[in-house]
Amino acid sequence: MSKNPCLYINLNKIKKNAEYIKGFCQRYEIEVVGITKGCCAIPEVAEALVEGGINFLGDSRIKNLQRLKEAGIKAKTMLIRTPMLSEIDEVLKWADISLNSEITVIKSLSEATSLSQIIHPIILMIELGDLREGLMPDQVLETVEEILSYKGVKLIGIGTNFGCISGVLPTSEEMYQLVRIAEEIEATFSLDLEVISGGSTNVLKLVEENTLPKRINQLRIGVGILLGQDDARESNIIGTYQDTFILNAEIIEIKEKPSFPQGKIGRDAFGEIPILEDLGIRRRALLALGKQDIQVKGLIPTIEGVKIIGASSDHLVLDITESKEELVVGDEIRFQLNYPALLSASTSEYVYKFFIRGKDEDVYKYERKRFNLH
């Protein structure tokens, strides 16, 4: 049976990334929650994070948190998407903490805890500009007052998020606003909030510049560990590996063809009108990989001179005219991935996952022999 396309997952490099990010944040007394949603909470990857010193794992899907718990991963779990009312019981079963922004949901959590006799910690999310989840700042005190009247839930902190919907980057001014909101809650209700969760990987830049308020004591880091990237700024994080996940796809056809299609141009299978350039006759490779498997725009060929032309559901078309390697049918092309590509490849059941536990490229050869890959 074919083992392509396949995703090579270098657990040692992921562990090293976790160690680096953990150590970097620890110097500033910031706890790191390792976010596993980018790799669909693959237990082996989660274990690498834990081995790298991360003892708190977060995900947006209850099913992923369940997978982590059932795999015996020794870490606390955080649900990082506001719970659905239809999954309240599962939240209490699989999430040690949840991020919340809707009072109706918090009330439902409270009511459900009366049956299970537990106290469920929550972090209240505040909207500071990116316009995804969170209370507007002028709604916070009223909401906190109501939360404090509920039994079974404990408000342990507040948090915010940047860069996921509107692309708004965090600034020190917005972080200080979050701290001021926390201090206002504490003064009004005589509370001591344990956690101020400042956001995700894109906040690491403020830590590096030493402009993050000292009361921000938690960051939720996903792509920074998994890929060593600050995707919001399209930059790599110095000291981390970016080749932690490598995608292999097999060539199923090589032909010389015109670079510009013949006939009237309409929309493709995904409703888009392709923009193509006439470069004459080009050598093209067809790969057994498509949009059903991967976010194509996030693929980066590792062979110099290879260019992606386009993709349909099940085929990826490359221009290999200027490839620095001689390619034939049956050969494989490797790709590095950005976050959207990793997310789609991890989720796809058509992409095989192979784990690398060694420290160098020789392990790739071992894995290929082990799985009878050519």
Protein backbone atom coordinates (compact mmCIF):
# COMPACT_ATOMS: atom_id res chain seq x y z
CA MET A 1 0.00 0.00 0.00
CA SER A 2 1.24 3.48 -0.86
CA LYS A 3 2.70 5.56 1.95
CA ASN A 4 2.52 8.87 0.12
CA PRO A 5 1.84 11.67 0.66
CA CYS A 6 3.49 11.51 4.05
CA LEU A 7 4.34 13.97 6.79
CA TYR A 8 7.67 13.47 8.53
CA ILE A 9 7.45 14.76 12.11
CA ASN A 10 10.78 15.38 13.82
CA LEU A 11 9.97 14.94 17.49
CA ASN A 12 13.49 15.77 18.66
CA LYS A 13 13.43 19.17 16.94
CA ILE A 14 9.96 19.91 18.29
CA LYS A 15 11.20 19.06 21.77
CA LYS A 16 14.17 21.40 21.29
CA ASN A 17 11.83 24.19 20.15
CA ALA A 18 9.70 23.65 23.26
CA GLU A 19 12.78 23.77 25.49
CA TYR A 20 13.95 27.00 23.88
CA ILE A 21 10.59 28.80 24.06
CA LYS A 22 10.00 27.56 27.62
CA GLY A 23 13.44 28.74 28.75
CA PHE A 24 13.10 32.08 27.00
CA CYS A 25 9.72 32.82 28.62
CA GLN A 26 10.76 31.45 31.99
CA ARG A 27 13.37 34.19 32.29
CA TYR A 28 10.48 36.66 32.33
CA GLU A 29 8.34 34.52 34.67
CA ILE A 30 5.90 33.70 31.86
CA GLU A 31 4.18 30.31 31.76
CA VAL A 32 3.90 28.70 28.33
CA VAL A 33 0.75 26.86 27.30
CA GLY A 34 1.69 24.65 24.35
CA ILE A 35 -1.05 24.83 21.72
CA THR A 36 -1.58 21.56 19.87
CA LYS A 37 -4.38 22.45 17.43
CA GLY A 38 -1.93 23.09 14.59
CA CYS A 39 -0.99 19.41 14.54
CA CYS A 40 -4.43 18.03 15.46
CA ALA A 41 -3.11 17.15 18.95
CA ILE A 42 -1.05 14.22 17.69
CA PRO A 43 -0.09 12.52 20.98
CA GLU A 44 3.53 11.94 19.96
CA VAL A 45 3.92 15.66 19.27
CA ALA A 46 2.23 16.55 22.57
CA GLU A 47 4.63 14.23 24.36
CA ALA A 48 7.57 16.00 22.72
CA LEU A 49 6.24 19.31 24.08
CA VAL A 50 5.98 17.82 27.56
CA GLU A 51 9.51 16.39 27.30
CA GLY A 52 10.60 19.90 26.35
CA GLY A 53 9.26 21.24 29.66
CA ILE A 54 5.72 22.28 28.71
CA ASN A 55 3.26 21.14 31.38
CA PHE A 56 0.14 22.87 30.07
CA LEU A 57 -1.41 22.01 26.69
CA GLY A 58 -4.21 23.91 24.99
CA ASP A 59 -6.48 23.13 22.07
CA SER A 60 -9.64 24.50 20.49
CA ARG A 61 -11.29 21.09 20.10
CA ILE A 62 -12.66 18.95 22.90
CA LYS A 63 -11.95 15.85 20.81
CA ASN A 64 -8.27 16.81 20.75
CA LEU A 65 -8.15 17.32 24.52
CA GLN A 66 -9.79 13.93 24.94
CA ARG A 67 -7.13 12.40 22.69
CA LEU A 68 -4.40 13.88 24.88
CA LYS A 69 -5.97 12.64 28.10
CA GLU A 70 -6.64 9.15 26.75
CA ALA A 71 -3.06 8.93 25.46
CA GLY A 72 -1.84 9.50 29.01
CA ILE A 73 -0.06 12.79 28.30
CA LYS A 74 1.07 14.17 31.66
CA ALA A 75 -0.06 17.76 31.30
CA LYS A 76 -2.98 19.95 32.25
CA THR A 77 -5.38 20.82 29.46
CA MET A 78 -6.93 24.11 28.40
CA LEU A 79 -9.84 24.61 26.02
CA ILE A 80 -8.86 27.76 24.12
CA ARG A 81 -12.14 28.27 22.25
CA THR A 82 -15.25 29.45 24.10
CA PRO A 83 -17.24 26.25 24.79
CA MET A 84 -20.35 25.40 22.84
CA LEU A 85 -23.46 24.99 24.99
CA SER A 86 -23.86 21.53 23.46
CA GLU A 87 -20.50 20.35 24.82
CA ILE A 88 -20.56 21.59 28.41
CA ASP A 89 -20.36 18.12 29.96
CA GLU A 90 -17.39 17.22 27.76
CA VAL A 91 -15.65 20.47 28.70
CA LEU A 92 -15.83 19.58 32.38
CA LYS A 93 -14.58 16.07 31.65
CA TRP A 94 -11.63 16.81 29.40
CA ALA A 95 -10.56 20.45 30.02
CA ASP A 96 -8.84 21.44 33.26
CA ILE A 97 -9.35 25.13 32.36
CA SER A 98 -11.36 26.89 29.66
CA LEU A 99 -11.21 30.32 28.03
CA ASN A 100 -14.64 31.97 28.07
CA SER A 101 -16.28 35.09 26.67
CA GLU A 102 -20.02 34.38 26.89
CA ILE A 103 -21.90 34.66 30.19
CA THR A 104 -24.57 32.20 29.05
CA VAL A 105 -21.90 29.55 28.61
CA ILE A 106 -20.29 30.32 31.98
CA LYS A 107 -23.68 29.99 33.66
CA SER A 108 -24.19 26.64 31.95
CA LEU A 109 -20.77 25.47 33.17
CA SER A 110 -21.76 26.50 36.68
CA GLU A 111 -25.02 24.58 36.54
CA ALA A 112 -23.30 21.47 35.20
CA THR A 113 -20.70 21.48 37.98
CA SER A 114 -23.44 21.00 40.57
CA LEU A 115 -23.82 17.44 39.30
CA SER A 116 -20.11 16.64 39.21
CA GLN A 117 -19.09 18.39 42.45
CA ILE A 118 -16.07 20.09 40.88
CA ILE A 119 -14.77 23.64 40.56
CA HIS A 120 -13.97 24.57 36.97
CA PRO A 121 -11.38 27.35 36.51
CA ILE A 122 -12.03 29.87 33.74
CA ILE A 123 -10.13 32.70 32.06
CA LEU A 124 -12.31 35.57 30.84
CA MET A 125 -11.35 36.81 27.37
CA ILE A 126 -11.22 40.55 26.65
CA GLU A 127 -11.54 42.17 23.20
CA LEU A 128 -8.65 44.54 22.53
CA GLY A 129 -8.83 45.10 18.80
CA ASP A 130 -8.58 41.91 16.73
CA LEU A 131 -12.37 41.46 16.82
CA ARG A 132 -12.59 37.75 17.41
CA GLU A 133 -13.68 36.55 20.86
CA GLY A 134 -13.87 38.60 24.03
CA LEU A 135 -15.87 41.09 26.07
CA MET A 136 -15.59 44.75 25.26
CA PRO A 137 -13.67 46.44 28.11
CA ASP A 138 -16.72 48.39 29.35
CA GLN A 139 -18.61 45.10 29.85
CA VAL A 140 -16.01 43.43 32.03
CA LEU A 141 -16.94 44.56 35.56
CA GLU A 142 -20.62 43.79 35.12
CA THR A 143 -19.80 40.34 33.75
CA VAL A 144 -17.29 39.56 36.50
CA GLU A 145 -19.87 40.49 39.14
CA GLU A 146 -22.27 37.96 37.65
CA ILE A 147 -19.58 35.28 37.37
CA LEU A 148 -18.73 35.67 41.06
CA SER A 149 -22.34 34.86 41.93
CA TYR A 150 -22.09 31.44 40.27
CA LYS A 151 -21.02 28.32 42.10
CA GLY A 152 -18.79 25.70 40.54
CA VAL A 153 -16.73 28.06 38.37
CA LYS A 154 -13.70 30.03 39.50
CA LEU A 155 -12.43 33.11 37.70
CA ILE A 156 -8.65 32.68 37.81
CA GLY A 157 -7.69 35.32 35.27
CA ILE A 158 -8.28 37.27 32.09
CA GLY A 159 -6.80 37.00 28.63
CA THR A 160 -6.83 38.38 25.11
CA ASN A 161 -5.94 37.41 21.58
CA PHE A 162 -4.34 39.10 18.57
CA GLY A 163 -3.64 38.44 14.93
CA CYS A 164 -6.07 35.62 14.17
CA ILE A 165 -8.97 37.36 12.40
CA SER A 166 -8.03 40.96 11.64
CA GLY A 167 -4.25 40.63 11.68
CA VAL A 168 -3.92 43.16 14.52
CA LEU A 169 -0.48 42.86 16.11
CA PRO A 170 -0.11 43.22 19.89
CA THR A 171 1.55 46.33 21.30
CA SER A 172 2.79 47.14 24.78
CA GLU A 173 0.02 49.75 25.07
CA GLU A 174 -2.67 47.11 24.56
CA MET A 175 -0.91 44.79 27.00
CA TYR A 176 -0.88 47.55 29.62
CA GLN A 177 -4.59 48.04 28.97
CA LEU A 178 -5.14 44.35 29.76
CA VAL A 179 -3.18 44.74 32.99
CA ARG A 180 -5.22 47.82 33.95
CA ILE A 181 -8.45 45.85 33.41
CA ALA A 182 -7.08 43.10 35.66
CA GLU A 183 -6.17 45.62 38.34
CA GLU A 184 -9.62 47.19 38.12
CA ILE A 185 -11.25 43.78 38.62
CA GLU A 186 -9.00 43.08 41.60
CA ALA A 187 -9.68 46.45 43.23
CA THR A 188 -13.43 46.31 42.65
CA PHE A 189 -13.99 42.77 43.89
CA SER A 190 -11.03 42.26 46.26
CA LEU A 191 -9.61 39.50 44.08
CA ASP A 192 -6.13 38.30 43.24
CA LEU A 193 -6.12 37.09 39.64
CA GLU A 194 -3.64 34.26 39.11
CA VAL A 195 -3.36 34.55 35.35
CA ILE A 196 -3.12 37.31 32.78
CA SER A 197 -2.89 35.48 29.47
CA GLY A 198 -1.42 37.91 26.96
CA GLY A 199 -1.93 36.06 23.71
CA SER A 200 -0.02 33.78 21.37
CA THR A 201 3.26 33.49 19.46
CA ASN A 202 3.02 37.03 18.10
CA VAL A 203 3.51 38.40 21.64
CA LEU A 204 7.00 36.87 21.88
CA LYS A 205 8.34 39.91 20.02
CA LEU A 206 7.30 42.12 22.95
CA VAL A 207 9.01 39.74 25.36
CA GLU A 208 12.18 39.90 23.27
CA GLU A 209 12.04 43.72 23.27
CA ASN A 210 11.35 43.71 27.04
CA THR A 211 8.23 45.85 26.52
CA LEU A 212 5.69 43.36 27.85
CA PRO A 213 4.21 44.35 31.24
CA LYS A 214 5.55 42.13 34.00
CA ARG A 215 2.06 41.10 35.13
CA ILE A 216 1.48 39.26 31.86
CA ASN A 217 2.39 35.80 33.08
CA GLN A 218 1.05 33.41 30.45
CA LEU A 219 1.36 33.01 26.68
CA ARG A 220 -0.36 30.41 24.49
CA ILE A 221 2.29 29.28 22.00
CA GLY A 222 1.52 27.03 19.03
CA VAL A 223 3.28 27.85 15.76
CA GLY A 224 6.28 29.26 17.64
CA ILE A 225 7.02 25.78 19.00
CA LEU A 226 5.69 23.58 16.21
CA LEU A 227 7.35 25.46 13.33
CA GLY A 228 9.66 27.97 14.99
CA GLN A 229 7.82 30.78 13.24
CA ASP A 230 6.15 34.06 14.07
CA ASP A 231 3.60 33.73 11.28
CA ALA A 232 2.04 37.14 11.90
CA ARG A 233 5.34 38.81 11.04
CA GLU A 234 6.43 36.15 8.52
CA SER A 235 9.68 35.62 10.38
CA ASN A 236 11.52 32.74 11.99
CA ILE A 237 12.24 32.64 15.71
CA ILE A 238 15.99 32.68 16.22
CA GLY A 239 17.14 29.62 18.15
CA THR A 240 14.40 27.30 16.85
CA TYR A 241 14.03 24.75 14.06
CA GLN A 242 11.67 25.34 11.13
CA ASP A 243 12.05 21.90 9.48
CA THR A 244 10.10 20.13 12.21
CA PHE A 245 7.44 18.93 9.76
CA ILE A 246 8.37 17.89 6.22
CA LEU A 247 5.80 16.81 3.64
CA ASN A 248 6.69 14.28 0.95
CA ALA A 249 4.66 13.84 -2.23
CA GLU A 250 5.24 11.47 -5.13
CA ILE A 251 5.55 12.40 -8.80
CA ILE A 252 2.97 10.55 -10.92
CA GLU A 253 3.56 12.29 -14.26
CA ILE A 254 6.26 14.32 -15.98
CA LYS A 255 5.52 15.94 -19.33
CA GLU A 256 6.60 18.90 -21.42
CA LYS A 257 3.52 21.05 -21.97
CA PRO A 258 2.58 24.61 -22.87
CA SER A 259 2.62 26.91 -19.87
CA PHE A 260 -0.54 28.66 -20.99
CA PRO A 261 -3.85 26.78 -21.42
CA GLN A 262 -5.73 26.55 -24.70
CA GLY A 263 -9.35 27.62 -25.03
CA LYS A 264 -11.67 29.95 -23.19
CA ILE A 265 -10.77 30.45 -19.51
CA GLY A 266 -13.51 30.04 -16.90
CA ARG A 267 -13.45 29.21 -13.22
CA ASP A 268 -11.58 26.20 -11.92
CA ALA A 269 -13.01 23.44 -9.71
CA PHE A 270 -12.77 25.74 -6.67
CA GLY A 271 -14.53 28.71 -8.28
CA GLU A 272 -11.35 30.68 -8.95
CA ILE A 273 -10.08 32.17 -12.22
CA PRO A 274 -6.41 31.12 -12.61
CA ILE A 275 -3.82 33.77 -13.41
CA LEU A 276 -1.17 32.18 -15.63
CA GLU A 277 1.83 33.46 -17.55
CA ASP A 278 2.83 32.28 -21.01
CA LEU A 279 6.43 31.05 -20.68
CA GLY A 280 6.36 28.69 -23.63
CA ILE A 281 6.91 24.95 -23.34
CA ARG A 282 7.83 23.92 -19.78
CA ARG A 283 8.65 20.67 -18.03
CA ARG A 284 5.82 19.95 -15.61
CA ALA A 285 5.49 17.40 -12.80
CA LEU A 286 2.18 16.14 -11.48
CA LEU A 287 2.10 15.06 -7.82
CA ALA A 288 -0.39 12.85 -6.00
CA LEU A 289 -1.34 15.62 -3.59
CA GLY A 290 -4.11 18.19 -3.72
CA LYS A 291 -6.29 20.70 -1.94
CA GLN A 292 -8.14 17.90 -0.18
CA ASP A 293 -4.86 17.12 1.59
CA ILE A 294 -3.11 20.43 2.02
CA GLN A 295 -3.32 24.24 2.00
CA VAL A 296 -1.28 24.56 -1.17
CA LYS A 297 -0.22 28.18 -0.63
CA GLY A 298 1.64 27.06 2.49
CA LEU A 299 3.98 24.65 0.69
CA ILE A 300 7.65 25.54 0.19
CA PRO A 301 9.56 23.17 -2.16
CA THR A 302 12.97 22.23 -0.80
CA ILE A 303 14.46 21.65 -4.27
CA GLU A 304 15.87 24.82 -5.79
CA GLY A 305 14.20 25.81 -9.04
CA VAL A 306 10.94 23.94 -8.44
CA LYS A 307 7.84 26.14 -8.57
CA ILE A 308 4.21 25.45 -7.70
CA ILE A 309 1.81 26.25 -10.56
CA GLY A 310 -1.50 25.20 -9.05
CA ALA A 311 -3.60 22.40 -7.63
CA SER A 312 -6.95 20.67 -7.88
CA SER A 313 -8.54 18.40 -5.28
CA ASP A 314 -6.09 15.56 -5.86
CA HIS A 315 -3.25 16.89 -8.04
CA LEU A 316 -0.44 19.37 -7.51
CA VAL A 317 1.24 20.80 -10.63
CA LEU A 318 4.87 21.90 -10.50
CA ASP A 319 7.16 23.58 -12.99
CA ILE A 320 10.42 21.61 -12.77
CA THR A 321 12.11 23.09 -15.84
CA GLU A 322 14.76 24.80 -13.73
CA SER A 323 15.02 22.14 -11.02
CA LYS A 324 18.53 21.69 -9.66
CA GLU A 325 17.81 17.97 -9.34
CA GLU A 326 17.01 15.49 -12.12
CA LEU A 327 13.51 14.19 -11.47
CA VAL A 328 11.65 11.15 -12.82
CA VAL A 329 8.25 9.58 -12.21
CA GLY A 330 8.24 7.90 -8.79
CA ASP A 331 10.58 10.43 -7.23
CA GLU A 332 9.40 12.44 -4.26
CA ILE A 333 9.39 16.16 -3.64
CA ARG A 334 9.83 17.49 -0.13
CA PHE A 335 8.11 20.59 1.16
CA GLN A 336 8.45 22.70 4.26
CA LEU A 337 5.15 23.99 5.62
CA ASN A 338 3.68 27.13 7.07
CA TYR A 339 0.97 27.00 9.72
CA PRO A 340 -2.12 26.65 7.45
CA ALA A 341 -0.37 23.86 5.51
CA LEU A 342 0.58 22.06 8.71
CA LEU A 343 -2.97 22.36 10.01
CA SER A 344 -4.45 20.83 6.87
CA ALA A 345 -1.82 18.09 6.49
CA SER A 346 -2.22 17.06 10.13
CA THR A 347 -5.99 16.88 9.79
CA SER A 348 -6.06 14.96 6.51
CA GLU A 349 -6.52 11.21 6.85
CA TYR A 350 -4.91 10.85 3.42
CA VAL A 351 -1.53 12.13 4.65
CA TYR A 352 0.47 9.45 6.46
CA LYS A 353 2.37 10.51 9.59
CA PHE A 354 5.86 9.21 10.31
CA PHE A 355 7.75 10.11 13.48
CA ILE A 356 11.45 10.85 13.59
CA ARG A 357 13.11 10.50 16.96
CA GLY A 358 16.74 10.78 15.88
CA LYS A 359 18.91 13.86 15.60
CA ASP A 360 19.97 13.96 11.97
CA GLU A 361 18.94 13.38 8.39
CA ASP A 362 20.00 9.72 8.51
CA VAL A 363 16.75 9.00 10.30
CA TYR A 364 14.84 9.91 7.13
CA LYS A 365 16.64 7.07 5.35
CA TYR A 366 15.74 4.69 8.16
CA GLU A 367 12.07 5.66 8.03
CA ARG A 368 11.96 5.24 4.26
CA LYS A 369 13.43 1.75 4.46
CA ARG A 370 11.15 0.81 7.33
CA PHE A 371 8.02 1.72 5.39
CA ASN A 372 9.32 0.39 2.03
CA LEU A 373 9.35 3.85 0.50
CA HIS A 374 11.47 4.32 -2.63
